[in-house]
Amino acid sequence: GFDPAVLLRTTLGVHLGEAQTAVVLFEGTAARYFQCSPIHPAQKILEQDDDRLLVELPIRGIKEVTELVLKYGDEAEIIAPADLRQHLKTTIAATARRYLAD
């Protein structure tokens, strides 16, 4: 049968889609925060030092990881997959146009 706990171990958030991983680089305050408070129980830390944290996260869709990266602004960057990185570029460009139009 369906076990939501099993499903949630494979994703960041509750949106469903193809299971994949996202690699996110956090710097500065965001890196220090996530070194103390993991984002997800199944995350893998790929690199870490005082001001940088490179982490691999399980995702099923892009909503939650997009919101996470946008929340931390220039202290967060999608490294992979390429299509998610492109989605963030498009989203950030559209947002910038709103504010730069004045």
C-alpha atoms as a PDB file:
ATOM      1  CA  GLY A   1       0.000   0.000   0.000  1.00  0.00           C
ATOM      2  CA  PHE A   2       0.842   3.649  -0.152  1.00  0.00           C
ATOM      3  CA  ASP A   3       3.110   4.853   2.651  1.00  0.00           C
ATOM      4  CA  PRO A   4       3.521   8.649   2.734  1.00  0.00           C
ATOM      5  CA  ALA A   5       6.531   8.366   5.061  1.00  0.00           C
ATOM      6  CA  VAL A   6       8.402   6.380   2.422  1.00  0.00           C
ATOM      7  CA  LEU A   7       7.526   8.947  -0.232  1.00  0.00           C
ATOM      8  CA  LEU A   8       8.616  11.906   1.915  1.00  0.00           C
ATOM      9  CA  ARG A   9      12.049  10.335   2.416  1.00  0.00           C
ATOM     10  CA  THR A  10      12.612  10.796  -1.321  1.00  0.00           C
ATOM     11  CA  THR A  11      11.618  14.429  -1.726  1.00  0.00           C
ATOM     12  CA  LEU A  12      11.997  17.953  -0.446  1.00  0.00           C
ATOM     13  CA  GLY A  13       8.412  19.009   0.261  1.00  0.00           C
ATOM     14  CA  VAL A  14       5.153  17.429  -0.834  1.00  0.00           C
ATOM     15  CA  HIS A  15       5.045  17.967  -4.597  1.00  0.00           C
ATOM     16  CA  LEU A  16       5.230  14.837  -6.674  1.00  0.00           C
ATOM     17  CA  GLY A  17       7.097  14.292  -9.884  1.00  0.00           C
ATOM     18  CA  GLU A  18      10.026  12.320 -11.185  1.00  0.00           C
ATOM     19  CA  ALA A  19      12.505  11.427  -8.442  1.00  0.00           C
ATOM     20  CA  GLN A  20      15.822  13.172  -8.994  1.00  0.00           C
ATOM     21  CA  THR A  21      18.492  15.008  -7.075  1.00  0.00           C
ATOM     22  CA  ALA A  22      19.395  18.674  -6.985  1.00  0.00           C
ATOM     23  CA  VAL A  23      22.831  19.984  -6.082  1.00  0.00           C
ATOM     24  CA  VAL A  24      22.704  23.328  -4.298  1.00  0.00           C
ATOM     25  CA  LEU A  25      25.558  25.549  -3.166  1.00  0.00           C
ATOM     26  CA  PHE A  26      24.955  27.661  -0.071  1.00  0.00           C
ATOM     27  CA  GLU A  27      27.375  30.374   1.018  1.00  0.00           C
ATOM     28  CA  GLY A  28      27.719  32.733   3.954  1.00  0.00           C
ATOM     29  CA  THR A  29      24.916  32.818   6.501  1.00  0.00           C
ATOM     30  CA  ALA A  30      22.861  30.227   4.598  1.00  0.00           C
ATOM     31  CA  ALA A  31      25.787  27.769   4.597  1.00  0.00           C
ATOM     32  CA  ARG A  32      26.360  28.202   8.317  1.00  0.00           C
ATOM     33  CA  TYR A  33      22.636  27.792   9.026  1.00  0.00           C
ATOM     34  CA  PHE A  34      22.293  24.574   7.036  1.00  0.00           C
ATOM     35  CA  GLN A  35      25.461  23.132   8.559  1.00  0.00           C
ATOM     36  CA  CYS A  36      23.592  23.204  11.888  1.00  0.00           C
ATOM     37  CA  SER A  37      20.079  22.489  10.598  1.00  0.00           C
ATOM     38  CA  PRO A  38      19.951  19.941   7.771  1.00  0.00           C
ATOM     39  CA  ILE A  39      17.462  20.615   4.993  1.00  0.00           C
ATOM     40  CA  HIS A  40      16.395  16.988   4.547  1.00  0.00           C
ATOM     41  CA  PRO A  41      17.231  13.710   6.323  1.00  0.00           C
ATOM     42  CA  ALA A  42      18.391  12.142   3.033  1.00  0.00           C
ATOM     43  CA  GLN A  43      20.636  15.020   1.984  1.00  0.00           C
ATOM     44  CA  LYS A  44      24.274  14.339   1.148  1.00  0.00           C
ATOM     45  CA  ILE A  45      26.940  16.900   1.952  1.00  0.00           C
ATOM     46  CA  LEU A  46      29.327  16.976  -1.005  1.00  0.00           C
ATOM     47  CA  GLU A  47      31.646  19.755   0.217  1.00  0.00           C
ATOM     48  CA  GLN A  48      31.761  21.850   3.351  1.00  0.00           C
ATOM     49  CA  ASP A  49      33.849  24.572   4.944  1.00  0.00           C
ATOM     50  CA  ASP A  50      33.094  27.546   7.194  1.00  0.00           C
ATOM     51  CA  ASP A  51      31.323  29.643   4.553  1.00  0.00           C
ATOM     52  CA  ARG A  52      30.299  27.124   1.852  1.00  0.00           C
ATOM     53  CA  LEU A  53      28.090  24.065   1.789  1.00  0.00           C
ATOM     54  CA  LEU A  54      27.487  21.981  -1.311  1.00  0.00           C
ATOM     55  CA  VAL A  55      24.572  19.637  -0.755  1.00  0.00           C
ATOM     56  CA  GLU A  56      22.682  17.060  -2.800  1.00  0.00           C
ATOM     57  CA  LEU A  57      18.941  16.963  -2.098  1.00  0.00           C
ATOM     58  CA  PRO A  58      16.233  14.513  -3.162  1.00  0.00           C
ATOM     59  CA  ILE A  59      13.479  16.263  -5.097  1.00  0.00           C
ATOM     60  CA  ARG A  60      10.289  15.316  -6.927  1.00  0.00           C
ATOM     61  CA  GLY A  61       9.473  18.470  -8.819  1.00  0.00           C
ATOM     62  CA  ILE A  62      10.955  21.935  -8.665  1.00  0.00           C
ATOM     63  CA  LYS A  63       8.640  24.041  -6.511  1.00  0.00           C
ATOM     64  CA  GLU A  64      10.200  23.546  -3.078  1.00  0.00           C
ATOM     65  CA  VAL A  65      13.835  23.698  -4.180  1.00  0.00           C
ATOM     66  CA  THR A  66      13.092  26.801  -6.292  1.00  0.00           C
ATOM     67  CA  GLU A  67      11.508  28.503  -3.279  1.00  0.00           C
ATOM     68  CA  LEU A  68      14.423  27.468  -1.059  1.00  0.00           C
ATOM     69  CA  VAL A  69      17.025  28.939  -3.405  1.00  0.00           C
ATOM     70  CA  LEU A  70      15.055  32.154  -3.985  1.00  0.00           C
ATOM     71  CA  LYS A  71      14.595  32.555  -0.222  1.00  0.00           C
ATOM     72  CA  TYR A  72      18.368  32.728   0.285  1.00  0.00           C
ATOM     73  CA  GLY A  73      19.013  35.044  -2.677  1.00  0.00           C
ATOM     74  CA  ASP A  74      22.661  35.406  -3.612  1.00  0.00           C
ATOM     75  CA  GLU A  75      23.693  32.969  -0.880  1.00  0.00           C
ATOM     76  CA  ALA A  76      22.175  29.996  -2.763  1.00  0.00           C
ATOM     77  CA  GLU A  77      22.804  28.606  -6.233  1.00  0.00           C
ATOM     78  CA  ILE A  78      21.470  25.590  -8.114  1.00  0.00           C
ATOM     79  CA  ILE A  79      24.423  23.697  -9.533  1.00  0.00           C
ATOM     80  CA  ALA A  80      22.512  20.739 -11.035  1.00  0.00           C
ATOM     81  CA  PRO A  81      20.451  19.552 -12.807  1.00  0.00           C
ATOM     82  CA  ALA A  82      20.856  21.904 -15.770  1.00  0.00           C
ATOM     83  CA  ASP A  83      17.114  22.221 -16.449  1.00  0.00           C
ATOM     84  CA  LEU A  84      16.469  23.322 -12.862  1.00  0.00           C
ATOM     85  CA  ARG A  85      19.321  25.816 -13.078  1.00  0.00           C
ATOM     86  CA  GLN A  86      17.782  27.206 -16.286  1.00  0.00           C
ATOM     87  CA  HIS A  87      14.379  27.437 -14.596  1.00  0.00           C
ATOM     88  CA  LEU A  88      15.942  29.549 -11.820  1.00  0.00           C
ATOM     89  CA  LYS A  89      17.672  31.785 -14.369  1.00  0.00           C
ATOM     90  CA  THR A  90      14.354  32.398 -16.129  1.00  0.00           C
ATOM     91  CA  THR A  91      12.515  33.034 -12.856  1.00  0.00           C
ATOM     92  CA  ILE A  92      15.164  35.440 -11.556  1.00  0.00           C
ATOM     93  CA  ALA A  93      15.289  37.336 -14.880  1.00  0.00           C
ATOM     94  CA  ALA A  94      11.499  37.741 -14.886  1.00  0.00           C
ATOM     95  CA  THR A  95      11.579  38.958 -11.289  1.00  0.00           C
ATOM     96  CA  ALA A  96      14.389  41.415 -12.041  1.00  0.00           C
ATOM     97  CA  ARG A  97      12.423  42.842 -14.991  1.00  0.00           C
ATOM     98  CA  ARG A  98       9.541  43.679 -12.630  1.00  0.00           C
ATOM     99  CA  TYR A  99      11.799  45.697 -10.361  1.00  0.00           C
ATOM    100  CA  LEU A 100      14.025  47.240 -13.024  1.00  0.00           C
ATOM    101  CA  ALA A 101      11.105  48.484 -15.118  1.00  0.00           C
ATOM    102  CA  ASP A 102      10.674  51.667 -13.028  1.00  0.00           C
END
